[in-house]
N, C-alpha and C. Protein backbone atom coordinates (compact mmCIF):
# COMPACT_ATOMS: atom_id res chain seq x y z
N MET A 1 -6.31 -71.07 28.74
CA MET A 1 -5.72 -72.61 29.20
C MET A 1 -5.74 -73.11 30.96
N VAL A 2 -6.03 -72.85 31.30
CA VAL A 2 -6.68 -73.39 32.80
C VAL A 2 -7.80 -74.62 33.15
N ARG A 3 -8.45 -73.57 31.68
CA ARG A 3 -9.93 -74.85 31.75
C ARG A 3 -9.09 -75.52 31.21
N ARG A 4 -9.02 -75.66 29.24
CA ARG A 4 -8.26 -76.94 28.79
C ARG A 4 -7.63 -77.88 29.40
N ALA A 5 -7.23 -77.47 30.42
CA ALA A 5 -5.97 -78.17 30.98
C ALA A 5 -6.90 -78.84 32.75
N VAL A 6 -7.97 -78.44 33.22
CA VAL A 6 -7.92 -79.42 34.15
C VAL A 6 -9.90 -80.16 33.89
N ARG A 7 -9.50 -79.86 31.52
CA ARG A 7 -11.33 -80.62 31.30
C ARG A 7 -10.18 -82.21 30.76
N GLY A 8 -8.96 -81.29 30.21
CA GLY A 8 -8.09 -83.00 29.98
C GLY A 8 -7.59 -83.51 31.18
N ALA A 9 -7.65 -83.37 31.87
CA ALA A 9 -6.83 -84.23 33.52
C ALA A 9 -8.40 -84.57 33.78
N ILE A 10 -9.48 -84.54 34.02
CA ILE A 10 -10.20 -84.76 34.18
C ILE A 10 -11.51 -86.21 32.82
N ALA A 11 -10.81 -86.00 31.93
CA ALA A 11 -10.64 -86.98 30.76
C ALA A 11 -9.65 -88.22 30.51
N GLY A 12 -8.61 -87.21 31.74
CA GLY A 12 -7.17 -87.94 31.52
C GLY A 12 -7.75 -88.95 32.26
N ALA A 13 -8.48 -88.78 33.25
CA ALA A 13 -8.93 -89.80 34.58
C ALA A 13 -9.69 -90.53 34.14
N VAL A 14 -10.74 -90.80 33.27
CA VAL A 14 -11.63 -91.13 32.48
C VAL A 14 -11.31 -91.77 31.54
N GLY A 15 -9.55 -91.64 30.57
CA GLY A 15 -9.68 -92.70 29.91
C GLY A 15 -8.88 -93.52 30.74
N THR A 16 -7.95 -93.46 32.16
CA THR A 16 -7.77 -94.37 32.74
C THR A 16 -8.56 -95.33 33.32
N ALA A 17 -9.70 -95.14 33.58
CA ALA A 17 -11.05 -95.85 34.32
C ALA A 17 -10.91 -96.57 32.94
N ALA A 18 -11.47 -96.57 32.17
CA ALA A 18 -11.64 -97.65 31.35
C ALA A 18 -10.46 -97.92 29.78
N MET A 19 -9.28 -98.02 30.86
CA MET A 19 -7.65 -98.94 30.05
C MET A 19 -7.78 -99.91 31.75
N ASP A 20 -7.95 -99.08 32.51
CA ASP A 20 -8.26 -99.92 33.86
C ASP A 20 -8.93 -101.11 33.88
N LEU A 21 -10.42 -100.81 32.95
CA LEU A 21 -11.31 -102.51 33.22
C LEU A 21 -10.43 -103.03 31.96
N VAL A 22 -10.21 -102.57 30.44
CA VAL A 22 -10.10 -103.63 29.61
C VAL A 22 -9.11 -104.20 30.52
N TRP A 23 -7.73 -103.91 30.82
CA TRP A 23 -6.70 -104.12 31.77
C TRP A 23 -7.09 -105.06 32.69
N TYR A 24 -8.80 -105.19 33.66
CA TYR A 24 -9.11 -106.26 34.72
C TYR A 24 -9.81 -107.28 33.80
N ALA A 25 -10.54 -106.55 32.85
CA ALA A 25 -10.93 -108.73 31.83
C ALA A 25 -10.00 -108.44 31.33
N ARG A 26 -9.27 -108.40 31.05
CA ARG A 26 -8.00 -109.59 30.86
C ARG A 26 -8.24 -110.47 31.82
N TYR A 27 -7.67 -109.91 33.31
CA TYR A 27 -6.90 -110.47 33.58
C TYR A 27 -7.96 -111.10 34.57
N ARG A 28 -9.60 -111.15 34.79
CA ARG A 28 -10.13 -111.83 34.36
C ARG A 28 -10.54 -113.29 33.40
N ARG A 29 -10.65 -112.64 32.31
CA ARG A 29 -10.12 -114.04 31.16
C ARG A 29 -9.08 -114.64 31.79
N GLY A 30 -7.75 -114.51 31.63
CA GLY A 30 -6.69 -115.54 32.40
C GLY A 30 -6.88 -116.05 34.57
N GLY A 31 -7.65 -116.16 34.35
CA GLY A 31 -7.43 -116.68 35.97
C GLY A 31 -8.00 -116.14 36.47
N GLY A 32 -7.63 -114.47 36.78
CA GLY A 32 -7.39 -113.93 38.18
C GLY A 32 -9.23 -113.95 38.52
N ASP A 33 -9.26 -113.70 40.01
CA ASP A 33 -10.49 -114.15 40.49
C ASP A 33 -10.30 -112.34 41.64
N ARG A 34 -9.82 -111.84 41.87
CA ARG A 34 -10.32 -110.74 42.26
C ARG A 34 -11.60 -110.09 42.41
N SER A 35 -11.85 -108.68 43.31
CA SER A 35 -13.32 -107.81 42.52
C SER A 35 -12.64 -106.63 41.99
N VAL A 36 -13.04 -106.20 40.60
CA VAL A 36 -12.51 -105.17 40.62
C VAL A 36 -11.95 -103.91 40.92
N LEU A 37 -12.81 -104.16 42.29
CA LEU A 37 -11.51 -102.97 44.03
C LEU A 37 -11.48 -103.30 44.26
N GLU A 38 -10.94 -104.99 44.58
CA GLU A 38 -9.28 -105.75 45.58
C GLU A 38 -7.92 -105.30 43.74
N TRP A 39 -8.19 -105.09 42.86
CA TRP A 39 -7.63 -105.39 41.71
C TRP A 39 -7.18 -103.92 41.60
N GLU A 40 -8.76 -102.58 41.48
CA GLU A 40 -8.12 -101.42 40.60
C GLU A 40 -6.72 -101.15 42.10
N PHE A 41 -7.46 -101.66 43.25
CA PHE A 41 -6.71 -101.03 44.68
C PHE A 41 -5.31 -101.65 45.27
N SER A 42 -5.41 -102.62 44.41
CA SER A 42 -3.87 -103.41 44.22
C SER A 42 -3.02 -104.16 45.88
N LYS A 43 -4.34 -104.64 46.33
CA LYS A 43 -4.31 -104.83 47.43
C LYS A 43 -3.37 -107.05 47.29
N GLY A 44 -3.09 -106.21 47.91
CA GLY A 44 -1.54 -107.46 48.45
C GLY A 44 -0.18 -106.81 47.57
N LEU A 45 0.03 -105.69 47.14
CA LEU A 45 1.24 -105.51 46.06
C LEU A 45 2.06 -105.13 47.66
N THR A 46 3.24 -105.27 47.12
CA THR A 46 4.25 -105.22 47.60
C THR A 46 5.71 -104.96 46.21
N TRP A 47 6.91 -103.78 47.51
CA TRP A 47 7.88 -103.28 46.51
C TRP A 47 8.32 -105.21 46.01
N ASP A 48 7.87 -106.31 46.00
CA ASP A 48 8.66 -107.54 45.04
C ASP A 48 8.21 -107.51 43.52
N ASN A 49 6.24 -106.42 43.73
CA ASN A 49 5.47 -107.43 42.94
C ASN A 49 5.13 -106.48 41.82
N ALA A 50 5.62 -105.15 42.66
CA ALA A 50 4.52 -104.00 41.67
C ALA A 50 5.58 -103.36 40.38
N PRO A 51 3.99 -102.42 40.11
CA PRO A 51 4.95 -103.01 38.23
C PRO A 51 5.35 -101.88 38.84
N ALA A 52 5.17 -100.94 36.81
CA ALA A 52 6.01 -99.80 36.72
C ALA A 52 5.27 -98.34 37.72
N PRO A 53 4.66 -97.69 37.25
CA PRO A 53 3.27 -96.98 38.55
C PRO A 53 4.37 -97.04 40.22
N ALA A 54 4.17 -97.71 40.51
CA ALA A 54 5.47 -98.11 42.25
C ALA A 54 6.24 -97.61 42.26
N GLN A 55 6.70 -98.34 41.07
CA GLN A 55 8.97 -97.79 41.15
C GLN A 55 8.58 -96.87 40.93
N VAL A 56 8.16 -96.11 40.20
CA VAL A 56 8.74 -94.06 39.67
C VAL A 56 7.90 -93.83 41.31
N GLY A 57 6.90 -94.48 41.73
CA GLY A 57 6.83 -93.12 43.00
C GLY A 57 8.09 -94.10 43.34
N LYS A 58 8.14 -94.85 43.58
CA LYS A 58 9.05 -95.23 45.03
C LYS A 58 10.72 -94.63 44.63
N LYS A 59 10.86 -94.64 43.48
CA LYS A 59 12.30 -93.95 43.47
C LYS A 59 12.45 -92.50 43.21
N ALA A 60 10.50 -91.74 43.25
CA ALA A 60 11.15 -90.83 43.24
C ALA A 60 10.74 -90.44 44.77
N ALA A 61 10.13 -90.88 45.29
CA ALA A 61 10.73 -90.72 46.46
C ALA A 61 11.56 -90.88 47.68
N LYS A 62 12.18 -92.20 46.64
CA LYS A 62 13.59 -91.28 47.85
C LYS A 62 14.89 -90.84 47.20
N ALA A 63 14.11 -90.53 46.27
CA ALA A 63 14.88 -89.50 45.81
C ALA A 63 14.86 -88.32 46.12
N LEU A 64 13.85 -87.59 46.35
CA LEU A 64 12.79 -86.45 47.01
C LEU A 64 13.04 -86.20 48.57
N LEU A 65 13.10 -87.24 49.46
CA LEU A 65 12.68 -86.89 50.93
C LEU A 65 13.80 -88.36 51.64
N GLY A 66 14.49 -89.23 50.20
CA GLY A 66 15.76 -89.92 50.59
C GLY A 66 14.93 -90.76 51.55
N ALA A 67 13.86 -90.67 51.43
CA ALA A 67 13.54 -92.48 52.17
C ALA A 67 13.61 -93.08 51.52
N ASP A 68 13.77 -94.45 52.42
CA ASP A 68 12.97 -95.97 51.56
C ASP A 68 11.19 -96.01 51.82
N LEU A 69 10.79 -96.81 51.52
CA LEU A 69 8.97 -96.10 51.57
C LEU A 69 8.30 -97.96 52.02
N PRO A 70 8.03 -98.17 53.12
CA PRO A 70 6.97 -99.27 53.50
C PRO A 70 6.69 -100.08 51.91
N ASP A 71 7.06 -101.32 52.92
CA ASP A 71 5.93 -101.92 52.32
C ASP A 71 3.81 -102.01 51.64
N GLN A 72 3.80 -101.62 53.29
CA GLN A 72 2.38 -100.78 52.88
C GLN A 72 2.00 -100.05 51.70
N ALA A 73 2.82 -99.21 51.84
CA ALA A 73 3.18 -98.20 50.27
C ALA A 73 3.32 -97.76 48.88
N ALA A 74 3.01 -99.47 48.72
CA ALA A 74 3.09 -99.97 47.26
C ALA A 74 1.35 -99.46 46.55
N PRO A 75 0.67 -100.07 47.66
CA PRO A 75 -1.03 -99.78 47.08
C PRO A 75 -0.82 -98.82 46.48
N ARG A 76 -1.07 -97.64 47.24
CA ARG A 76 -1.29 -96.17 47.69
C ARG A 76 0.23 -95.62 46.20
N VAL A 77 0.87 -95.85 46.11
CA VAL A 77 1.89 -95.19 45.49
C VAL A 77 1.25 -95.61 44.13
N ASN A 78 1.57 -96.91 43.87
CA ASN A 78 0.53 -97.36 42.84
C ASN A 78 -0.38 -96.45 42.08
N ASN A 79 -1.18 -96.54 43.25
CA ASN A 79 -2.79 -95.64 42.29
C ASN A 79 -3.05 -94.22 42.46
N ALA A 80 -1.29 -94.14 42.85
CA ALA A 80 -1.14 -92.37 42.62
C ALA A 80 -0.41 -91.76 41.77
N VAL A 81 0.77 -92.88 40.73
CA VAL A 81 1.14 -92.90 39.83
C VAL A 81 0.43 -93.17 39.31
N HIS A 82 0.03 -94.15 38.84
CA HIS A 82 -1.19 -94.64 38.08
C HIS A 82 -2.15 -93.92 37.14
N TRP A 83 -2.61 -92.91 37.84
CA TRP A 83 -4.09 -91.90 38.20
C TRP A 83 -3.91 -91.53 38.06
N SER A 84 -2.50 -90.31 38.61
CA SER A 84 -2.23 -89.11 38.01
C SER A 84 -0.99 -88.90 36.18
N THR A 85 -0.15 -90.15 36.10
CA THR A 85 0.01 -90.12 35.52
C THR A 85 -0.86 -89.66 34.65
N GLY A 86 -1.62 -90.34 34.04
CA GLY A 86 -4.02 -90.40 33.38
C GLY A 86 -3.84 -89.04 33.25
N ALA A 87 -4.45 -88.66 34.13
CA ALA A 87 -4.90 -86.62 34.73
C ALA A 87 -4.02 -86.28 34.04
N MET A 88 -2.67 -86.06 34.30
CA MET A 88 -1.40 -85.21 34.02
C MET A 88 -1.23 -85.08 32.29
N TRP A 89 -1.21 -86.68 31.61
CA TRP A 89 -1.33 -87.23 30.20
C TRP A 89 -2.44 -85.66 29.74
N GLY A 90 -3.52 -86.60 29.94
CA GLY A 90 -5.33 -85.58 29.93
C GLY A 90 -4.53 -84.06 29.85
N ALA A 91 -4.62 -83.83 30.93
CA ALA A 91 -4.48 -82.65 30.95
C ALA A 91 -3.75 -81.65 29.43
N ALA A 92 -2.31 -81.99 29.76
CA ALA A 92 -1.14 -81.90 28.55
C ALA A 92 -1.71 -81.94 26.70
N TYR A 93 -2.79 -82.59 26.91
CA TYR A 93 -3.40 -83.97 25.89
C TYR A 93 -4.76 -82.39 25.47
N GLY A 94 -4.94 -81.32 26.26
CA GLY A 94 -6.18 -80.31 26.50
C GLY A 94 -5.73 -79.51 25.85
N VAL A 95 -5.64 -79.30 26.34
CA VAL A 95 -3.91 -78.09 26.74
C VAL A 95 -3.57 -77.50 25.00
N VAL A 96 -2.42 -78.84 24.40
CA VAL A 96 -1.80 -78.78 23.19
C VAL A 96 -3.08 -78.41 22.49
N LEU A 97 -3.61 -79.61 22.31
CA LEU A 97 -5.47 -79.99 22.03
C LEU A 97 -6.12 -78.69 21.40
N GLY A 98 -6.48 -77.87 22.65
CA GLY A 98 -7.81 -77.47 22.52
C GLY A 98 -6.99 -75.85 21.66
N ARG A 99 -6.28 -75.91 22.04
CA ARG A 99 -5.44 -74.19 21.89
C ARG A 99 -6.16 -73.35 21.09
N HIS A 100 -6.69 -74.37 20.01
CA HIS A 100 -6.97 -72.83 19.09
C HIS A 100 -8.99 -72.95 18.94
N GLY A 101 -9.56 -73.18 20.14
CA GLY A 101 -10.74 -73.18 21.00
C GLY A 101 -11.68 -74.27 20.57
N ARG A 102 -11.08 -75.09 19.72
CA ARG A 102 -11.98 -76.47 19.01
C ARG A 102 -11.51 -77.75 20.00
N ARG A 103 -12.19 -78.98 19.88
CA ARG A 103 -12.44 -79.37 20.31
C ARG A 103 -11.43 -80.34 19.61
N PRO A 104 -10.72 -81.23 19.72
CA PRO A 104 -9.81 -82.02 18.97
C PRO A 104 -11.16 -83.99 18.55
N PRO A 105 -11.36 -83.95 17.23
CA PRO A 105 -11.55 -84.96 17.12
C PRO A 105 -11.73 -85.94 17.69
N VAL A 106 -12.49 -86.99 17.96
CA VAL A 106 -12.87 -88.49 18.86
C VAL A 106 -11.19 -89.56 18.01
N GLN A 107 -10.70 -89.33 16.69
CA GLN A 107 -9.63 -90.01 15.96
C GLN A 107 -8.66 -89.83 16.79
N THR A 108 -7.97 -88.70 17.01
CA THR A 108 -6.23 -88.09 17.58
C THR A 108 -6.25 -88.73 18.61
N GLY A 109 -7.82 -89.47 19.30
CA GLY A 109 -6.99 -90.35 20.24
C GLY A 109 -6.77 -91.94 19.83
N LEU A 110 -6.94 -92.21 18.08
CA LEU A 110 -5.64 -93.31 18.17
C LEU A 110 -4.02 -92.99 18.16
N VAL A 111 -4.20 -91.42 17.64
CA VAL A 111 -2.33 -91.31 18.31
C VAL A 111 -1.97 -91.09 19.69
N PHE A 112 -3.21 -90.16 19.97
CA PHE A 112 -2.48 -90.11 21.73
C PHE A 112 -2.27 -90.85 22.70
N GLY A 113 -3.60 -92.38 22.77
CA GLY A 113 -2.43 -93.21 23.51
C GLY A 113 -1.56 -93.71 23.08
N PRO A 114 -1.36 -93.69 21.52
CA PRO A 114 -0.47 -95.37 21.62
C PRO A 114 1.34 -94.42 22.02
N ALA A 115 0.87 -92.87 21.67
CA ALA A 115 1.96 -91.73 22.27
C ALA A 115 2.65 -92.29 23.39
N VAL A 116 1.51 -91.80 24.34
CA VAL A 116 1.36 -91.67 25.37
C VAL A 116 2.24 -93.98 25.82
N CYS A 117 2.05 -94.75 25.34
CA CYS A 117 2.33 -95.97 25.58
C CYS A 117 4.13 -95.42 24.98
N ALA A 118 3.98 -95.16 23.99
CA ALA A 118 5.83 -95.19 23.34
C ALA A 118 6.48 -94.71 24.28
N THR A 119 5.85 -93.30 24.83
CA THR A 119 6.96 -92.73 25.63
C THR A 119 7.37 -93.63 27.56
N SER A 120 6.34 -94.65 28.49
CA SER A 120 6.43 -94.93 28.21
C SER A 120 7.98 -96.49 28.66
N TYR A 121 8.65 -97.14 27.05
CA TYR A 121 8.90 -97.94 26.67
C TYR A 121 10.22 -96.86 26.06
N VAL A 122 9.85 -95.51 26.61
CA VAL A 122 11.35 -94.41 26.22
C VAL A 122 11.81 -94.07 27.10
N VAL A 123 11.21 -93.81 28.65
CA VAL A 123 11.15 -93.45 30.04
C VAL A 123 11.57 -94.40 30.43
N LEU A 124 10.64 -95.62 30.68
CA LEU A 124 10.75 -96.36 31.64
C LEU A 124 11.76 -97.33 32.29
N PRO A 125 12.78 -97.38 30.39
CA PRO A 125 14.30 -98.53 30.84
C PRO A 125 14.73 -96.97 30.64
N LEU A 126 14.59 -96.03 30.61
CA LEU A 126 16.50 -95.40 31.39
C LEU A 126 16.79 -95.38 33.03
N MET A 127 15.34 -95.57 33.41
CA MET A 127 15.66 -96.04 34.58
C MET A 127 15.24 -96.98 35.40
N LYS A 128 15.39 -97.71 34.44
CA LYS A 128 16.00 -99.59 34.76
C LYS A 128 14.94 -99.83 35.09
N LEU A 129 13.75 -99.67 34.66
CA LEU A 129 12.11 -100.28 35.01
C LEU A 129 11.49 -101.47 33.54
N TYR A 130 12.32 -100.81 32.69
CA TYR A 130 11.23 -102.05 31.50
C TYR A 130 12.70 -102.12 31.21
N LYS A 131 12.85 -102.94 29.75
CA LYS A 131 13.66 -103.44 28.81
C LYS A 131 13.54 -102.64 28.53
N PRO A 132 13.87 -102.53 26.56
CA PRO A 132 14.50 -101.73 25.71
C PRO A 132 13.22 -101.67 25.14
N ILE A 133 12.36 -100.89 24.08
CA ILE A 133 11.39 -101.58 23.27
C ILE A 133 11.15 -103.11 22.25
N TRP A 134 12.88 -103.85 22.27
CA TRP A 134 12.59 -104.28 20.80
C TRP A 134 13.04 -105.62 21.93
N GLN A 135 12.31 -106.17 23.12
CA GLN A 135 12.91 -106.83 23.91
C GLN A 135 12.17 -107.61 24.15
N TYR A 136 10.69 -106.68 23.29
CA TYR A 136 9.28 -107.74 23.99
C TYR A 136 8.91 -108.24 23.28
N ASP A 137 8.48 -109.35 23.65
CA ASP A 137 7.54 -110.73 22.62
C ASP A 137 6.34 -108.71 21.56
N ALA A 138 5.78 -109.71 20.51
CA ALA A 138 5.12 -109.34 19.39
C ALA A 138 3.39 -108.73 21.30
N LYS A 139 3.26 -110.01 21.54
CA LYS A 139 1.96 -109.80 22.34
C LYS A 139 1.94 -109.34 23.34
N THR A 140 3.36 -109.04 24.34
CA THR A 140 3.20 -108.02 25.59
C THR A 140 2.90 -106.65 24.48
N LEU A 141 3.81 -106.45 23.73
CA LEU A 141 2.93 -104.57 22.68
C LEU A 141 1.55 -104.49 23.16
N PHE A 142 1.61 -106.00 22.07
CA PHE A 142 0.24 -106.21 21.63
C PHE A 142 -1.32 -106.12 22.36
N GLU A 143 -0.12 -106.09 24.24
CA GLU A 143 -2.10 -105.42 24.69
C GLU A 143 -2.02 -104.15 25.04
N ASP A 144 0.07 -103.93 25.47
CA ASP A 144 0.39 -102.20 26.16
C ASP A 144 -0.33 -101.28 25.66
N PHE A 145 -0.52 -102.07 24.39
CA PHE A 145 -0.59 -100.51 22.43
C PHE A 145 -2.17 -100.58 22.64
N SER A 146 -3.13 -101.67 22.65
CA SER A 146 -4.38 -102.16 22.22
C SER A 146 -4.76 -101.23 23.87
N ALA A 147 -4.74 -100.91 25.27
CA ALA A 147 -4.85 -100.89 26.09
C ALA A 147 -5.27 -99.62 26.27
N HIS A 148 -3.55 -98.53 25.42
CA HIS A 148 -3.05 -97.40 26.03
C HIS A 148 -4.35 -96.45 23.88
N THR A 149 -4.22 -97.81 23.76
CA THR A 149 -5.47 -96.86 22.29
C THR A 149 -6.61 -96.13 22.99
N VAL A 150 -7.28 -97.66 23.73
CA VAL A 150 -8.84 -97.03 24.60
C VAL A 150 -7.98 -95.96 25.31
N PHE A 151 -7.09 -95.99 26.02
CA PHE A 151 -7.67 -94.98 27.16
C PHE A 151 -6.84 -94.01 26.26
N GLY A 152 -6.68 -93.87 25.72
CA GLY A 152 -6.05 -92.28 23.96
C GLY A 152 -7.72 -91.75 23.44
N LEU A 153 -8.25 -92.91 22.74
CA LEU A 153 -10.23 -93.00 22.47
C LEU A 153 -10.34 -92.30 23.56
N THR A 154 -11.26 -93.18 24.83
CA THR A 154 -12.01 -92.53 25.89
C THR A 154 -11.01 -91.31 25.62
N THR A 155 -10.07 -90.50 26.34
CA THR A 155 -9.46 -89.45 26.64
C THR A 155 -10.23 -87.88 25.65
N ALA A 156 -9.69 -88.84 24.42
CA ALA A 156 -10.03 -87.59 23.03
C ALA A 156 -12.16 -87.62 23.12
N ALA A 157 -12.59 -88.74 22.89
CA ALA A 157 -14.54 -88.91 23.34
C ALA A 157 -14.63 -87.97 24.68
N VAL A 158 -14.36 -87.54 25.52
CA VAL A 158 -14.29 -86.86 26.60
C VAL A 158 -14.41 -85.72 26.40
N LEU A 159 -13.07 -85.13 26.33
CA LEU A 159 -12.96 -83.86 25.57
C LEU A 159 -13.47 -83.32 24.21
N ALA A 160 -14.01 -84.16 23.17
CA ALA A 160 -14.80 -83.44 22.21
C ALA A 160 -16.05 -83.91 22.32
N GLY A 161 -16.99 -84.23 23.84
CA GLY A 161 -18.01 -84.04 24.40
C GLY A 161 -18.17 -83.00 23.89
N ARG A 162 -19.98 -82.82 23.91
CA ARG A 162 -20.74 -81.26 23.69
C ARG A 162 -21.67 -81.63 24.06
N ARG A 163 -22.40 -79.85 25.02
CA ARG A 163 -23.31 -79.81 25.68
C ARG A 163 -24.15 -79.63 24.62
N GLY A 164 -24.18 -79.50 23.21
CA GLY A 164 -25.25 -79.29 22.13
C GLY A 164 -25.11 -77.91 21.69
N SER A 165 -25.84 -77.78 20.63
CA SER A 165 -25.60 -76.33 20.48
C SER A 165 -27.01 -75.75 20.18
N ALA A 166 -26.90 -74.21 20.71
CA ALA A 166 -27.81 -73.73 21.29
C ALA A 166 -29.50 -73.92 20.68
N ALA A 167 -29.27 -73.93 19.80
CA ALA A 167 -30.58 -75.13 18.71
C ALA A 167 -31.29 -76.22 18.71
N ARG A 168 -30.02 -77.15 19.49
CA ARG A 168 -29.58 -78.27 19.84
C ARG A 168 -30.66 -78.01 21.82
N ARG A 169 -30.72 -77.37 22.22
CA ARG A 169 -31.40 -77.78 23.29
C ARG A 169 -32.15 -77.13 23.33
N ARG A 170 -32.51 -75.79 23.45
CA ARG A 170 -34.24 -75.28 22.45
C ARG A 170 -34.97 -76.04 22.21
N TRP A 171 -35.00 -77.27 21.64
CA TRP A 171 -35.41 -78.13 20.69
C TRP A 171 -35.67 -78.86 21.67
N TRP A 172 -35.19 -79.82 23.19
CA TRP A 172 -34.60 -80.49 23.16
C TRP A 172 -35.56 -80.16 24.70
N CYS A 173 -35.03 -78.85 25.07
CA CYS A 173 -35.72 -78.32 26.23
C CYS A 173 -37.08 -78.15 25.75
N GLY A 174 -38.08 -77.40 24.52
CA GLY A 174 -38.89 -77.60 24.41
C GLY A 174 -38.82 -75.51 24.37
């Protein structure tokens, strides 16, 4: 089970990177001019303009440590929560779908990614960080669910990847 969780966490991190590339491409098409690294590492982020992952981290720090985090922590908290969430979802996916010793087919990512996204629309309104899902317009929901579908498919593809059968390896290696 540990091996499946670790493989899933790695796959989830790769899926997170793929999803972020979708979001970054959209950002650039919309006129954004930051480099991918400036964008990815949330340069200039403060608590006033921080997205949900940062706000979740801020609330967790307040609950666990009893302390308010300074503005300069917002970018690090955002990235830590965002990437660890992707890795944790990947770990859960790897454990649950790999429990029979088979790697799940890539097509399961078509359900996995949107399910992860839908969970956000349940949990985050309860934390007062999102509105209820019915208060979002179709474009916003499409962008969110489609980016998470890329996350799901990429995570599934990484987990479904194989080094190849022994016969194929013998053929390839001579």
